[in-house]
């Protein structure tokens, strides 16, 4: 009977240990996020989520940032059935509270972007832009696909 109690106790301890080790991983602490710098956003990005939902089929927005001259080129068909390309200059500002703001303007006298965006990078390959009315999720891609 003693052996049975001992085995039962050991079994219950093992069950308790294994069930507590299956916890969900904790989210990244804010101090482990990637700084939003010209160097870190340099390259090609694809918009894949708009307000938390995937883009509609055959809809796209690609943007390529250049850290050397703070220029961008963007290709999209969000407001038209035809794709357009725009270019301009972008700016990153670190705010006093440690957040980052991304803003820009368009070439050819078209003016400033309609919104500035609070930007977070959860990894070197993922960033989220937030304005008062928009949430945009981007992922890094190797190159801009051929657009017809």
N, C-alpha and C. Protein backbone atom coordinates (compact mmCIF):
# COMPACT_ATOMS: atom_id res chain seq x y z
N UNK A 1 0.82 -1.18 0.00
CA UNK A 1 0.00 0.00 0.00
C UNK A 1 0.87 1.25 0.00
N UNK A 2 1.99 1.20 0.72
CA UNK A 2 2.89 2.35 0.73
C UNK A 2 3.45 2.62 -0.66
N UNK A 3 3.81 1.57 -1.35
CA UNK A 3 4.36 1.71 -2.69
C UNK A 3 3.31 2.34 -3.62
N UNK A 4 2.07 1.93 -3.47
CA UNK A 4 1.00 2.50 -4.28
C UNK A 4 0.84 4.00 -4.02
N UNK A 5 0.86 4.41 -2.76
CA UNK A 5 0.75 5.83 -2.43
C UNK A 5 1.94 6.61 -2.97
N UNK A 6 3.12 6.04 -2.85
CA UNK A 6 4.32 6.71 -3.37
C UNK A 6 4.21 6.90 -4.88
N UNK A 7 3.82 5.84 -5.60
CA UNK A 7 3.67 5.94 -7.05
C UNK A 7 2.57 6.93 -7.43
N UNK A 8 1.48 6.92 -6.69
CA UNK A 8 0.39 7.86 -6.95
C UNK A 8 0.86 9.31 -6.74
N UNK A 9 1.60 9.55 -5.67
CA UNK A 9 2.13 10.90 -5.40
C UNK A 9 3.08 11.35 -6.50
N UNK A 10 3.98 10.49 -6.92
CA UNK A 10 4.94 10.83 -7.98
C UNK A 10 4.18 11.10 -9.28
N UNK A 11 3.19 10.29 -9.59
CA UNK A 11 2.41 10.47 -10.81
C UNK A 11 1.67 11.81 -10.79
N UNK A 12 1.06 12.14 -9.66
CA UNK A 12 0.35 13.42 -9.56
C UNK A 12 1.30 14.60 -9.69
N UNK A 13 2.49 14.50 -9.13
CA UNK A 13 3.48 15.58 -9.26
C UNK A 13 3.90 15.74 -10.72
N UNK A 14 4.12 14.62 -11.42
CA UNK A 14 4.51 14.70 -12.83
C UNK A 14 3.40 15.32 -13.67
N UNK A 15 2.16 14.97 -13.40
CA UNK A 15 1.03 15.56 -14.12
C UNK A 15 0.98 17.07 -13.86
N UNK A 16 1.17 17.48 -12.62
CA UNK A 16 1.15 18.91 -12.29
C UNK A 16 2.27 19.64 -13.00
N UNK A 17 3.44 19.06 -13.04
CA UNK A 17 4.58 19.72 -13.68
C UNK A 17 4.36 19.82 -15.18
N UNK A 18 3.90 18.77 -15.83
CA UNK A 18 3.73 18.81 -17.29
C UNK A 18 2.60 19.73 -17.71
N UNK A 19 1.56 19.83 -16.92
CA UNK A 19 0.47 20.73 -17.32
C UNK A 19 0.83 22.18 -17.11
N UNK A 20 1.67 22.51 -16.17
CA UNK A 20 2.06 23.90 -15.98
C UNK A 20 3.13 24.33 -16.97
N UNK A 21 3.82 23.40 -17.61
CA UNK A 21 4.85 23.79 -18.56
C UNK A 21 4.29 24.06 -19.95
N UNK A 22 3.01 23.88 -20.17
CA UNK A 22 2.41 24.09 -21.48
C UNK A 22 1.76 25.46 -21.59
N UNK A 23 2.32 26.43 -20.93
CA UNK A 23 1.76 27.77 -20.99
C UNK A 23 2.02 28.40 -22.35
N UNK A 24 1.15 29.32 -22.74
CA UNK A 24 1.32 30.10 -23.95
C UNK A 24 2.53 31.01 -23.78
N UNK A 25 3.36 31.17 -24.80
CA UNK A 25 4.49 32.09 -24.64
C UNK A 25 4.01 33.52 -24.41
N UNK A 26 4.73 34.22 -23.59
CA UNK A 26 4.38 35.62 -23.30
C UNK A 26 4.67 36.48 -24.53
N UNK A 27 3.89 37.54 -24.76
CA UNK A 27 4.18 38.43 -25.89
C UNK A 27 5.53 39.12 -25.70
N UNK A 28 6.06 39.57 -26.81
CA UNK A 28 7.35 40.27 -26.75
C UNK A 28 7.25 41.49 -25.85
N UNK A 29 8.15 41.63 -24.91
CA UNK A 29 8.16 42.88 -24.14
C UNK A 29 8.48 44.04 -25.06
N UNK A 30 7.97 45.21 -24.73
CA UNK A 30 8.14 46.36 -25.60
C UNK A 30 9.61 46.73 -25.78
N UNK A 31 10.47 46.38 -24.80
CA UNK A 31 11.88 46.71 -24.96
C UNK A 31 12.59 45.78 -25.94
N UNK A 32 11.92 44.71 -26.40
CA UNK A 32 12.52 43.82 -27.39
C UNK A 32 12.05 44.14 -28.81
N UNK A 33 11.21 45.12 -28.96
CA UNK A 33 10.76 45.51 -30.30
C UNK A 33 11.94 46.13 -31.06
N UNK A 34 11.82 46.13 -32.36
CA UNK A 34 12.86 46.66 -33.23
C UNK A 34 12.66 48.17 -33.36
N UNK A 35 13.75 48.91 -33.25
CA UNK A 35 13.67 50.36 -33.44
C UNK A 35 13.30 50.65 -34.90
N UNK A 36 12.46 51.63 -35.10
CA UNK A 36 12.07 52.04 -36.44
C UNK A 36 13.09 53.07 -36.91
N UNK A 37 14.01 52.63 -37.74
CA UNK A 37 15.07 53.49 -38.25
C UNK A 37 15.08 53.40 -39.77
N UNK A 38 15.76 54.33 -40.39
CA UNK A 38 15.90 54.29 -41.85
C UNK A 38 16.56 52.99 -42.29
N UNK A 39 17.53 52.54 -41.53
CA UNK A 39 18.22 51.29 -41.86
C UNK A 39 17.27 50.09 -41.76
N UNK A 40 16.46 50.04 -40.69
CA UNK A 40 15.60 48.87 -40.47
C UNK A 40 14.42 48.77 -41.41
N UNK A 41 13.94 49.88 -41.96
CA UNK A 41 12.81 49.77 -42.90
C UNK A 41 13.27 49.80 -44.36
N UNK A 42 14.56 49.93 -44.59
CA UNK A 42 15.10 49.90 -45.94
C UNK A 42 14.70 48.59 -46.63
N UNK A 43 14.19 48.69 -47.85
CA UNK A 43 13.84 47.50 -48.61
C UNK A 43 12.39 47.50 -49.06
N UNK A 44 11.91 46.33 -49.45
CA UNK A 44 10.59 46.16 -50.05
C UNK A 44 9.60 45.60 -49.03
N UNK A 45 8.38 46.14 -49.07
CA UNK A 45 7.33 45.76 -48.13
C UNK A 45 6.02 45.55 -48.88
N UNK A 46 5.21 44.64 -48.35
CA UNK A 46 3.90 44.36 -48.90
C UNK A 46 2.84 44.58 -47.83
N UNK A 47 1.81 45.34 -48.16
CA UNK A 47 0.67 45.48 -47.26
C UNK A 47 -0.13 44.18 -47.36
N UNK A 48 -0.34 43.51 -46.22
CA UNK A 48 -1.09 42.25 -46.26
C UNK A 48 -2.32 42.26 -45.37
N UNK A 49 -2.43 43.23 -44.46
CA UNK A 49 -3.62 43.33 -43.62
C UNK A 49 -4.05 44.80 -43.56
N UNK A 50 -5.34 45.02 -43.70
CA UNK A 50 -5.92 46.35 -43.62
C UNK A 50 -7.00 46.31 -42.56
N UNK A 51 -6.80 47.01 -41.45
CA UNK A 51 -7.71 46.97 -40.30
C UNK A 51 -7.90 45.54 -39.78
N UNK A 52 -6.83 44.76 -39.79
CA UNK A 52 -6.89 43.41 -39.24
C UNK A 52 -7.45 42.35 -40.17
N UNK A 53 -7.79 42.72 -41.39
CA UNK A 53 -8.33 41.75 -42.35
C UNK A 53 -7.41 41.69 -43.57
N UNK A 54 -7.31 40.52 -44.19
CA UNK A 54 -6.49 40.41 -45.40
C UNK A 54 -7.04 41.31 -46.50
N UNK A 55 -6.13 41.75 -47.39
CA UNK A 55 -6.58 42.55 -48.54
C UNK A 55 -7.47 41.71 -49.44
N UNK A 56 -8.37 42.38 -50.13
CA UNK A 56 -9.23 41.69 -51.09
C UNK A 56 -8.36 41.12 -52.21
N UNK A 57 -8.84 40.05 -52.80
CA UNK A 57 -8.11 39.43 -53.90
C UNK A 57 -7.87 40.44 -55.02
N UNK A 58 -6.72 40.39 -55.64
CA UNK A 58 -6.31 41.29 -56.73
C UNK A 58 -6.10 42.72 -56.28
N UNK A 59 -5.99 42.96 -54.97
CA UNK A 59 -5.68 44.29 -54.44
C UNK A 59 -4.28 44.23 -53.87
N UNK A 60 -3.51 45.29 -54.08
CA UNK A 60 -2.13 45.28 -53.58
C UNK A 60 -1.65 46.67 -53.24
N UNK A 61 -0.65 46.70 -52.39
CA UNK A 61 0.14 47.89 -52.12
C UNK A 61 1.54 47.41 -51.76
N UNK A 62 2.50 47.84 -52.54
CA UNK A 62 3.91 47.54 -52.29
C UNK A 62 4.63 48.86 -52.12
N UNK A 63 5.60 48.88 -51.23
CA UNK A 63 6.39 50.09 -51.04
C UNK A 63 7.85 49.70 -50.84
N UNK A 64 8.72 50.47 -51.48
CA UNK A 64 10.15 50.24 -51.32
C UNK A 64 10.77 51.50 -50.74
N UNK A 65 11.44 51.34 -49.59
CA UNK A 65 12.10 52.44 -48.91
C UNK A 65 13.60 52.39 -49.19
N UNK A 66 14.19 53.55 -49.38
CA UNK A 66 15.64 53.66 -49.56
C UNK A 66 16.21 54.46 -48.39
N UNK A 67 17.07 53.83 -47.61
CA UNK A 67 17.65 54.51 -46.45
C UNK A 67 18.66 55.56 -46.84
N UNK A 68 19.29 55.40 -48.00
CA UNK A 68 20.38 56.30 -48.38
C UNK A 68 19.89 57.72 -48.67
N UNK A 69 18.72 57.85 -49.27
CA UNK A 69 18.23 59.19 -49.62
C UNK A 69 16.84 59.48 -49.06
N UNK A 70 16.32 58.57 -48.22
CA UNK A 70 15.01 58.73 -47.57
C UNK A 70 13.89 58.87 -48.60
N UNK A 71 14.01 58.11 -49.67
CA UNK A 71 13.01 58.14 -50.74
C UNK A 71 12.23 56.83 -50.72
N UNK A 72 11.03 56.87 -51.29
CA UNK A 72 10.22 55.67 -51.43
C UNK A 72 9.59 55.66 -52.81
N UNK A 73 9.22 54.45 -53.23
CA UNK A 73 8.38 54.28 -54.40
C UNK A 73 7.28 53.31 -53.99
N UNK A 74 6.04 53.64 -54.34
CA UNK A 74 4.90 52.84 -53.94
C UNK A 74 4.08 52.48 -55.17
N UNK A 75 3.60 51.23 -55.20
CA UNK A 75 2.73 50.74 -56.24
C UNK A 75 1.46 50.24 -55.57
N UNK A 76 0.29 50.69 -56.03
CA UNK A 76 -0.95 50.20 -55.43
C UNK A 76 -2.11 50.33 -56.39
N UNK A 77 -3.16 49.58 -56.08
CA UNK A 77 -4.42 49.70 -56.80
C UNK A 77 -5.58 49.75 -55.79
N UNK A 78 -5.33 50.37 -54.66
CA UNK A 78 -6.34 50.41 -53.60
C UNK A 78 -7.53 51.29 -53.95
N UNK A 79 -7.30 52.37 -54.68
CA UNK A 79 -8.37 53.32 -54.99
C UNK A 79 -8.75 53.31 -56.47
N UNK A 80 -8.30 52.29 -57.18
CA UNK A 80 -8.55 52.25 -58.61
C UNK A 80 -8.44 50.81 -59.08
N UNK A 81 -9.08 50.51 -60.20
CA UNK A 81 -8.90 49.17 -60.75
C UNK A 81 -7.57 49.06 -61.49
N UNK A 82 -6.91 50.20 -61.70
CA UNK A 82 -5.61 50.22 -62.34
C UNK A 82 -4.54 50.57 -61.31
N UNK A 83 -3.39 49.97 -61.44
CA UNK A 83 -2.30 50.25 -60.53
C UNK A 83 -1.65 51.59 -60.84
N UNK A 84 -1.17 52.24 -59.81
CA UNK A 84 -0.44 53.49 -59.98
C UNK A 84 0.86 53.40 -59.19
N UNK A 85 1.80 54.20 -59.57
CA UNK A 85 3.08 54.28 -58.87
C UNK A 85 3.28 55.71 -58.42
N UNK A 86 3.65 55.88 -57.16
CA UNK A 86 3.96 57.20 -56.63
C UNK A 86 5.33 57.16 -55.99
N UNK A 87 5.96 58.31 -55.95
CA UNK A 87 7.29 58.44 -55.35
C UNK A 87 7.30 59.65 -54.43
N UNK A 88 8.29 59.71 -53.59
CA UNK A 88 8.42 60.85 -52.70
C UNK A 88 9.49 60.63 -51.66
N UNK A 89 9.41 61.42 -50.62
CA UNK A 89 10.36 61.39 -49.52
C UNK A 89 9.63 61.02 -48.24
N UNK A 90 10.31 60.25 -47.36
CA UNK A 90 9.69 59.87 -46.10
C UNK A 90 10.58 60.28 -44.94
N UNK A 91 9.98 60.43 -43.79
CA UNK A 91 10.67 60.89 -42.58
C UNK A 91 10.28 60.02 -41.40
N UNK A 92 11.25 59.70 -40.56
CA UNK A 92 10.99 58.97 -39.32
C UNK A 92 11.37 59.89 -38.18
N UNK A 93 10.46 60.03 -37.22
CA UNK A 93 10.70 60.87 -36.05
C UNK A 93 10.51 60.03 -34.80
N UNK A 94 11.49 60.05 -33.89
CA UNK A 94 11.31 59.39 -32.61
C UNK A 94 10.68 60.39 -31.65
N UNK A 95 9.55 60.03 -31.10
CA UNK A 95 8.82 60.91 -30.20
C UNK A 95 9.38 60.82 -28.78
N UNK A 96 9.02 61.79 -27.95
CA UNK A 96 9.50 61.81 -26.56
C UNK A 96 9.10 60.57 -25.78
N UNK A 97 7.94 59.97 -26.13
CA UNK A 97 7.48 58.79 -25.40
C UNK A 97 8.10 57.49 -25.92
N UNK A 98 9.05 57.59 -26.86
CA UNK A 98 9.73 56.41 -27.38
C UNK A 98 9.07 55.77 -28.58
N UNK A 99 7.93 56.32 -29.03
CA UNK A 99 7.28 55.79 -30.23
C UNK A 99 7.90 56.46 -31.46
N UNK A 100 7.56 55.91 -32.62
CA UNK A 100 8.09 56.43 -33.88
C UNK A 100 6.95 56.88 -34.78
N UNK A 101 7.15 57.99 -35.46
CA UNK A 101 6.16 58.51 -36.40
C UNK A 101 6.78 58.50 -37.80
N UNK A 102 6.01 58.00 -38.76
CA UNK A 102 6.42 57.97 -40.16
C UNK A 102 5.52 58.93 -40.91
N UNK A 103 6.13 59.84 -41.65
CA UNK A 103 5.37 60.78 -42.47
C UNK A 103 6.10 60.92 -43.80
N UNK A 104 5.49 61.61 -44.74
CA UNK A 104 6.13 61.76 -46.03
C UNK A 104 5.41 62.74 -46.91
N UNK A 105 6.00 62.93 -48.09
CA UNK A 105 5.35 63.76 -49.10
C UNK A 105 5.52 63.10 -50.46
N UNK A 106 4.71 63.56 -51.38
CA UNK A 106 4.71 63.03 -52.74
C UNK A 106 5.52 63.96 -53.64
N UNK A 107 6.14 63.39 -54.65
CA UNK A 107 6.87 64.19 -55.64
C UNK A 107 5.89 64.96 -56.53
N UNK A 108 6.44 65.84 -57.32
CA UNK A 108 5.70 66.59 -58.34
C UNK A 108 4.66 67.54 -57.73
N UNK A 109 4.94 68.06 -56.54
CA UNK A 109 4.08 69.06 -55.93
C UNK A 109 2.74 68.54 -55.46
N UNK A 110 2.62 67.21 -55.30
CA UNK A 110 1.33 66.63 -54.91
C UNK A 110 1.04 66.79 -53.42
N UNK A 111 2.02 67.21 -52.63
CA UNK A 111 1.77 67.50 -51.21
C UNK A 111 2.19 66.40 -50.27
N UNK A 112 1.80 66.58 -49.01
CA UNK A 112 2.14 65.65 -47.94
C UNK A 112 1.17 64.48 -47.92
N UNK A 113 1.60 63.39 -47.27
CA UNK A 113 0.69 62.28 -47.03
C UNK A 113 -0.50 62.80 -46.23
N UNK A 114 -1.65 62.22 -46.41
CA UNK A 114 -2.85 62.68 -45.69
C UNK A 114 -2.76 62.38 -44.20
N UNK A 115 -1.93 61.41 -43.80
CA UNK A 115 -1.78 61.05 -42.39
C UNK A 115 -0.31 60.82 -42.06
N UNK A 116 0.02 61.03 -40.81
CA UNK A 116 1.27 60.54 -40.25
C UNK A 116 0.90 59.27 -39.50
N UNK A 117 1.84 58.33 -39.41
CA UNK A 117 1.55 57.04 -38.84
C UNK A 117 2.48 56.74 -37.67
N UNK A 118 1.92 56.22 -36.58
CA UNK A 118 2.72 55.64 -35.51
C UNK A 118 3.14 54.27 -36.02
N UNK A 119 4.43 53.99 -35.98
CA UNK A 119 4.93 52.75 -36.55
C UNK A 119 5.60 51.91 -35.48
N UNK A 120 5.29 50.62 -35.49
CA UNK A 120 5.94 49.65 -34.61
C UNK A 120 6.48 48.53 -35.48
N UNK A 121 7.64 48.02 -35.10
CA UNK A 121 8.19 46.84 -35.76
C UNK A 121 8.28 45.73 -34.71
N UNK A 122 7.45 44.70 -34.87
CA UNK A 122 7.48 43.58 -33.93
C UNK A 122 8.66 42.67 -34.23
N UNK A 123 9.19 42.76 -35.44
CA UNK A 123 10.40 42.04 -35.85
C UNK A 123 10.99 42.82 -37.01
N UNK A 124 12.14 42.41 -37.47
CA UNK A 124 12.78 43.11 -38.59
C UNK A 124 11.97 42.94 -39.88
N UNK A 125 11.04 41.98 -39.91
CA UNK A 125 10.28 41.69 -41.12
C UNK A 125 8.80 42.04 -41.03
N UNK A 126 8.36 42.67 -39.93
CA UNK A 126 6.95 43.02 -39.76
C UNK A 126 6.81 44.39 -39.14
N UNK A 127 5.95 45.20 -39.73
CA UNK A 127 5.68 46.51 -39.14
C UNK A 127 4.21 46.85 -39.28
N UNK A 128 3.74 47.65 -38.32
CA UNK A 128 2.35 48.10 -38.29
C UNK A 128 2.33 49.61 -38.26
N UNK A 129 1.51 50.20 -39.13
CA UNK A 129 1.30 51.64 -39.17
C UNK A 129 -0.09 51.92 -38.60
N UNK A 130 -0.17 52.92 -37.73
CA UNK A 130 -1.47 53.31 -37.16
C UNK A 130 -1.66 54.81 -37.29
N UNK A 131 -2.82 55.21 -37.76
CA UNK A 131 -3.23 56.61 -37.72
C UNK A 131 -4.55 56.64 -36.98
N UNK A 132 -5.18 57.80 -36.90
CA UNK A 132 -6.44 57.87 -36.17
C UNK A 132 -7.53 57.04 -36.84
N UNK A 133 -7.43 56.82 -38.16
CA UNK A 133 -8.48 56.07 -38.83
C UNK A 133 -8.01 54.80 -39.54
N UNK A 134 -6.73 54.47 -39.48
CA UNK A 134 -6.21 53.36 -40.28
C UNK A 134 -5.22 52.50 -39.49
N UNK A 135 -5.27 51.18 -39.74
CA UNK A 135 -4.25 50.25 -39.25
C UNK A 135 -3.77 49.43 -40.44
N UNK A 136 -2.48 49.51 -40.73
CA UNK A 136 -1.89 48.82 -41.87
C UNK A 136 -0.78 47.90 -41.38
N UNK A 137 -0.83 46.63 -41.79
CA UNK A 137 0.21 45.66 -41.43
C UNK A 137 1.01 45.29 -42.68
N UNK A 138 2.32 45.45 -42.58
CA UNK A 138 3.24 45.16 -43.68
C UNK A 138 4.17 44.02 -43.32
N UNK A 139 4.59 43.29 -44.34
CA UNK A 139 5.64 42.29 -44.17
C UNK A 139 6.71 42.53 -45.23
N UNK A 140 7.95 42.25 -44.85
CA UNK A 140 9.08 42.43 -45.76
C UNK A 140 9.03 41.37 -46.84
N UNK A 141 9.35 41.77 -48.06
CA UNK A 141 9.45 40.84 -49.18
C UNK A 141 10.81 41.05 -49.85
N UNK A 142 11.24 40.05 -50.62
CA UNK A 142 12.55 40.13 -51.25
C UNK A 142 12.60 41.17 -52.36
N UNK A 143 11.53 41.26 -53.14
CA UNK A 143 11.48 42.23 -54.23
C UNK A 143 10.03 42.50 -54.59
N UNK A 144 9.81 43.58 -55.29
CA UNK A 144 8.47 43.94 -55.75
C UNK A 144 8.13 43.03 -56.93
N UNK A 145 6.98 42.34 -56.90
CA UNK A 145 6.63 41.48 -58.03
C UNK A 145 6.33 42.30 -59.27
N UNK A 146 6.42 41.66 -60.40
CA UNK A 146 6.06 42.33 -61.66
C UNK A 146 4.57 42.63 -61.63
N UNK A 147 4.22 43.86 -61.86
CA UNK A 147 2.82 44.29 -61.80
C UNK A 147 2.35 44.58 -63.21
N UNK A 148 1.24 43.98 -63.59
CA UNK A 148 0.69 44.20 -64.95
C UNK A 148 -0.29 45.31 -64.95
